[in-house]
Amino acid sequence: MPVPGAVEDPSRLDTADVVVQSGDVAVGAYRARPRGAGLRPGVVVIHDAFGLTEHTRDVVRRFANVGFDAIAPDLFVRTGMPRPDDMADVMRAMSTLDDAEVVADVTAAAAHLRGLDGSSGRVGVVGFCMGGRYTLLATSTSDAFAAAVDCWGGNIDRASPDAEVTPKRPVKVTDLAPGLHCPLLLIGGAEDQNPSPELLRRLHDDLRAAGKDVTLEIFDNAGHAFFADFRPSYREEAAQRLWPMMVDFLRTQLS
């Protein structure tokens, strides 16, 4: 079975490698748009710890294929992408990222989408794994986004397995989350431990208590990174259920 949201006719899309200015740093990014005129919302896709891979580019195209202007910034622009076959290098690269710089980069990507001809001015954000963490962080500290989908964002209640905070991650994301600026779809796997279903339920309850618009979905028979079709963690049934859920949520919130 094709991956969820598979693009059957790439000629319908306008795709390009672009540069987004984030402060004094030129951030490379991959952008995809539907061809033709029309008013469209935007989606920033925040990649996982493997970086701006072909999988992430394909997810960008999938969102464009269903009517969004979509973009994924390269968050490893300052340090270089990790070696995908070396998990120690992947973890090292992820730990080098600075929270404030990442929020600036994804916010700049949102501004890029809003500046496109045909933009409706409303932009959402979707993040996976590391990108899920940064989705929650960005929407808790910036009003640049009108909707958010956090897919299994790990290390939200501490900087790393070894430290509650670090110089690059000076505040726990869960401490900032009550400042959430937009509706949030929170996604987890029943078999995941970072984040665990219990942590996500506590976060959901805390956000609800703070008056935030948040929806939690825990997928059975799925663990971490179950949407990543290039990894052994991929779970086809759960991924096929998640894709229309994300699209419907973003369409509703960004309309």
Protein backbone atom coordinates (compact mmCIF):
# COMPACT_ATOMS: atom_id res chain seq x y z
CA MET A 1 0.00 0.00 0.00
CA PRO A 2 1.33 3.50 -0.80
CA VAL A 3 2.41 5.68 2.10
CA PRO A 4 -0.42 7.85 3.50
CA GLY A 5 -0.99 10.94 1.36
CA ALA A 6 1.31 9.68 -1.42
CA VAL A 7 1.70 12.16 -4.27
CA GLU A 8 0.65 10.37 -7.44
CA ASP A 9 1.18 13.30 -9.84
CA PRO A 10 4.19 15.46 -8.87
CA SER A 11 3.59 17.71 -11.87
CA ARG A 12 0.68 19.26 -9.94
CA LEU A 13 3.19 20.78 -7.52
CA ASP A 14 5.68 23.63 -7.66
CA THR A 15 8.69 22.57 -5.58
CA ALA A 16 11.93 24.40 -4.82
CA ASP A 17 14.89 24.63 -2.49
CA VAL A 18 14.68 28.11 -1.00
CA VAL A 19 16.44 30.28 1.59
CA VAL A 20 14.70 31.77 4.61
CA GLN A 21 16.40 34.59 6.48
CA SER A 22 16.44 33.98 10.24
CA GLY A 23 18.21 36.92 11.83
CA ASP A 24 21.65 36.98 10.23
CA VAL A 25 21.52 33.29 9.24
CA ALA A 26 20.39 32.08 5.81
CA VAL A 27 18.41 28.91 6.51
CA GLY A 28 17.98 26.48 3.66
CA ALA A 29 14.49 25.04 3.28
CA TYR A 30 12.39 22.89 0.99
CA ARG A 31 9.08 24.31 -0.21
CA ALA A 32 6.16 22.83 -2.14
CA ARG A 33 2.99 24.53 -3.40
CA PRO A 34 0.01 23.48 -5.49
CA ARG A 35 0.18 24.88 -9.00
CA GLY A 36 -2.51 27.37 -9.97
CA ALA A 37 -4.18 30.38 -8.42
CA GLY A 38 -6.11 30.42 -5.19
CA LEU A 39 -5.94 31.51 -1.57
CA ARG A 40 -4.11 28.92 0.55
CA PRO A 41 -3.05 28.42 4.17
CA GLY A 42 0.49 27.35 4.98
CA VAL A 43 2.12 24.56 6.96
CA VAL A 44 5.64 24.53 8.42
CA VAL A 45 6.93 20.95 8.72
CA ILE A 46 9.58 20.53 11.43
CA HIS A 47 11.81 17.56 10.70
CA ASP A 48 12.92 14.86 13.10
CA ALA A 49 16.43 14.30 14.42
CA PHE A 50 17.58 12.90 11.07
CA GLY A 51 17.26 16.34 9.49
CA LEU A 52 15.85 17.55 6.19
CA THR A 53 15.79 14.10 4.61
CA GLU A 54 13.95 12.88 1.53
CA HIS A 55 11.21 11.62 3.86
CA THR A 56 10.63 15.11 5.23
CA ARG A 57 10.66 16.56 1.72
CA ASP A 58 8.05 14.01 0.74
CA VAL A 59 5.86 14.98 3.71
CA VAL A 60 6.11 18.61 2.53
CA ARG A 61 4.94 17.52 -0.92
CA ARG A 62 2.08 15.53 0.60
CA PHE A 63 0.78 18.63 2.37
CA ALA A 64 1.09 20.66 -0.83
CA ASN A 65 -0.79 17.94 -2.68
CA VAL A 66 -3.85 18.46 -0.45
CA GLY A 67 -3.86 22.23 -0.85
CA PHE A 68 -1.34 23.82 1.52
CA ASP A 69 1.75 25.90 0.86
CA ALA A 70 4.30 23.87 2.83
CA ILE A 71 7.90 24.35 3.88
CA ALA A 72 10.50 22.53 5.97
CA PRO A 73 13.51 24.52 7.21
CA ASP A 74 16.88 22.83 7.73
CA LEU A 75 17.40 23.17 11.47
CA PHE A 76 20.93 21.73 11.18
CA VAL A 77 22.05 24.62 8.97
CA ARG A 78 24.53 25.82 11.62
CA THR A 79 25.99 22.42 12.52
CA GLY A 80 25.45 20.12 9.54
CA MET A 81 23.13 17.15 9.18
CA PRO A 82 23.96 14.04 11.19
CA ARG A 83 24.99 10.76 9.58
CA PRO A 84 21.71 8.84 9.30
CA ASP A 85 23.34 5.44 9.91
CA ASP A 86 24.98 6.58 13.16
CA MET A 87 22.47 7.07 15.99
CA ALA A 88 25.16 8.48 18.26
CA ASP A 89 25.80 11.21 15.70
CA VAL A 90 22.05 11.81 15.34
CA MET A 91 21.73 12.28 19.11
CA ARG A 92 24.82 14.52 19.16
CA ALA A 93 23.48 16.71 16.39
CA MET A 94 20.12 17.06 18.08
CA SER A 95 21.73 18.08 21.37
CA THR A 96 23.71 20.86 19.65
CA LEU A 97 20.56 22.73 18.63
CA ASP A 98 19.72 25.89 20.55
CA ASP A 99 16.04 26.26 21.46
CA ALA A 100 15.91 30.00 20.83
CA GLU A 101 17.58 29.64 17.41
CA VAL A 102 15.20 26.88 16.37
CA VAL A 103 12.13 28.90 17.36
CA ALA A 104 13.52 31.83 15.34
CA ASP A 105 14.08 29.57 12.32
CA VAL A 106 10.61 28.02 12.28
CA THR A 107 9.01 31.42 12.91
CA ALA A 108 10.96 32.79 9.93
CA ALA A 109 9.68 29.88 7.84
CA ALA A 110 6.11 30.81 8.81
CA ALA A 111 6.76 34.42 7.78
CA HIS A 112 8.08 33.16 4.44
CA LEU A 113 4.82 31.32 3.79
CA ARG A 114 2.72 34.32 4.77
CA GLY A 115 4.69 36.43 2.27
CA LEU A 116 3.86 34.21 -0.71
CA ASP A 117 1.36 35.32 -3.31
CA GLY A 118 -1.95 33.59 -2.65
CA SER A 119 -1.26 33.11 1.06
CA SER A 120 -4.32 33.30 3.30
CA GLY A 121 -2.06 34.56 6.07
CA ARG A 122 -2.85 31.58 8.32
CA VAL A 123 -0.02 29.13 8.98
CA GLY A 124 0.06 25.91 10.96
CA VAL A 125 2.97 23.80 12.13
CA VAL A 126 3.53 20.04 12.23
CA GLY A 127 6.51 18.40 13.87
CA PHE A 128 7.72 14.84 14.29
CA CYS A 129 9.88 13.48 17.15
CA MET A 130 12.41 16.28 17.79
CA GLY A 131 10.19 18.39 15.55
CA GLY A 132 7.22 17.66 17.77
CA ARG A 133 9.11 19.08 20.73
CA TYR A 134 9.91 22.20 18.76
CA THR A 135 6.30 22.47 17.60
CA LEU A 136 5.17 22.64 21.21
CA LEU A 137 7.99 25.01 22.14
CA ALA A 138 7.38 27.37 19.22
CA THR A 139 3.63 27.59 19.73
CA SER A 140 4.09 28.14 23.45
CA THR A 141 6.44 31.08 22.94
CA SER A 142 5.33 32.62 19.63
CA ASP A 143 2.01 33.68 18.13
CA ALA A 144 3.21 32.96 14.57
CA PHE A 145 1.03 29.86 14.20
CA ALA A 146 -2.73 29.35 14.04
CA ALA A 147 -2.68 25.57 14.60
CA ALA A 148 -0.20 22.91 15.67
CA VAL A 149 0.24 19.14 15.43
CA ASP A 150 2.82 17.69 17.83
CA CYS A 151 3.69 14.13 16.85
CA TRP A 152 5.48 12.32 19.70
CA GLY A 153 7.70 15.22 20.68
CA GLY A 154 10.22 13.79 23.14
CA ASN A 155 12.19 15.38 25.97
CA ILE A 156 9.44 17.89 26.73
CA ASP A 157 9.71 17.55 30.52
CA ARG A 158 13.52 17.66 30.61
CA ALA A 159 16.35 18.71 28.33
CA SER A 160 17.70 15.18 27.91
CA PRO A 161 17.69 11.81 29.70
CA ASP A 162 20.66 13.08 31.73
CA ALA A 163 19.67 16.67 32.54
CA GLU A 164 16.53 18.62 33.37
CA VAL A 165 17.88 21.75 31.67
CA THR A 166 20.99 22.68 29.69
CA PRO A 167 22.39 25.97 28.38
CA LYS A 168 20.81 25.29 24.98
CA ARG A 169 17.57 24.03 26.52
CA PRO A 170 17.26 26.32 29.54
CA VAL A 171 13.55 25.79 30.28
CA LYS A 172 11.46 22.62 30.22
CA VAL A 173 8.92 22.79 27.42
CA THR A 174 6.16 21.58 29.73
CA ASP A 175 6.77 24.65 31.91
CA LEU A 176 6.18 26.89 28.88
CA ALA A 177 3.27 24.97 27.39
CA PRO A 178 0.52 26.80 29.36
CA GLY A 179 1.41 29.80 27.17
CA LEU A 180 0.15 27.89 24.09
CA HIS A 181 -1.08 30.36 21.47
CA CYS A 182 -3.16 28.10 19.18
CA PRO A 183 -5.22 24.90 18.99
CA LEU A 184 -3.06 21.80 19.39
CA LEU A 185 -3.45 18.22 18.19
CA LEU A 186 -1.23 16.08 20.40
CA ILE A 187 -0.26 12.66 18.99
CA GLY A 188 1.41 9.75 20.73
CA GLY A 189 1.93 6.01 20.46
CA ALA A 190 0.74 3.63 23.17
CA GLU A 191 4.10 1.85 23.09
CA ASP A 192 6.24 5.01 23.21
CA GLN A 193 8.21 5.97 26.32
CA ASN A 194 9.52 9.38 25.18
CA PRO A 195 6.96 10.81 25.38
CA SER A 196 4.99 8.23 27.30
CA PRO A 197 1.19 8.16 27.07
CA GLU A 198 1.10 9.10 30.75
CA LEU A 199 3.16 12.24 30.16
CA LEU A 200 0.98 13.24 27.22
CA ARG A 201 -2.18 12.76 29.27
CA ARG A 202 -0.76 14.97 32.04
CA LEU A 203 0.19 17.61 29.47
CA HIS A 204 -3.28 17.43 27.93
CA ASP A 205 -4.95 17.82 31.32
CA ASP A 206 -2.68 20.71 32.33
CA LEU A 207 -3.36 22.54 29.07
CA ARG A 208 -7.09 21.99 29.39
CA ALA A 209 -6.94 23.32 32.95
CA ALA A 210 -5.19 26.42 31.55
CA GLY A 211 -8.08 26.94 29.13
CA LYS A 212 -6.23 25.78 26.01
CA ASP A 213 -7.77 24.08 22.97
CA VAL A 214 -6.00 20.72 22.90
CA THR A 215 -6.93 17.30 21.57
CA LEU A 216 -5.00 14.15 22.50
CA GLU A 217 -4.89 10.99 20.38
CA ILE A 218 -2.94 7.93 21.55
CA PHE A 219 -2.53 5.28 18.83
CA ASP A 220 -2.64 1.64 19.89
CA ASN A 221 -0.12 -0.84 18.49
CA ALA A 222 2.27 2.00 17.69
CA GLY A 223 5.38 3.43 19.27
CA HIS A 224 7.76 6.30 18.60
CA ALA A 225 8.05 7.54 15.00
CA PHE A 226 5.25 5.35 13.67
CA PHE A 227 4.72 7.72 10.69
CA ALA A 228 8.37 7.54 9.57
CA ASP A 229 8.11 5.14 6.62
CA PHE A 230 11.90 4.99 6.25
CA ARG A 231 12.40 3.51 9.72
CA PRO A 232 11.64 0.09 11.28
CA SER A 233 9.30 1.91 13.68
CA TYR A 234 6.80 2.55 10.85
CA ARG A 235 3.29 1.23 11.51
CA GLU A 236 1.21 1.32 8.36
CA GLU A 237 -2.25 1.12 9.93
CA ALA A 238 -1.54 3.87 12.46
CA ALA A 239 0.13 6.06 9.82
CA GLN A 240 -2.83 5.68 7.48
CA ARG A 241 -5.15 6.81 10.29
CA LEU A 242 -2.94 9.72 11.32
CA TRP A 243 -2.60 11.38 7.91
CA PRO A 244 -6.29 12.34 7.35
CA MET A 245 -6.56 13.31 11.01
CA MET A 246 -3.74 15.83 10.63
CA VAL A 247 -5.07 17.17 7.33
CA ASP A 248 -8.64 17.56 8.63
CA PHE A 249 -7.42 19.30 11.80
CA LEU A 250 -5.28 21.78 9.87
CA ARG A 251 -7.95 22.48 7.28
CA THR A 252 -10.48 23.21 10.00
CA GLN A 253 -8.20 25.39 12.10
CA LEU A 254 -6.65 27.30 9.20
CA SER A 255 -9.81 27.96 7.22
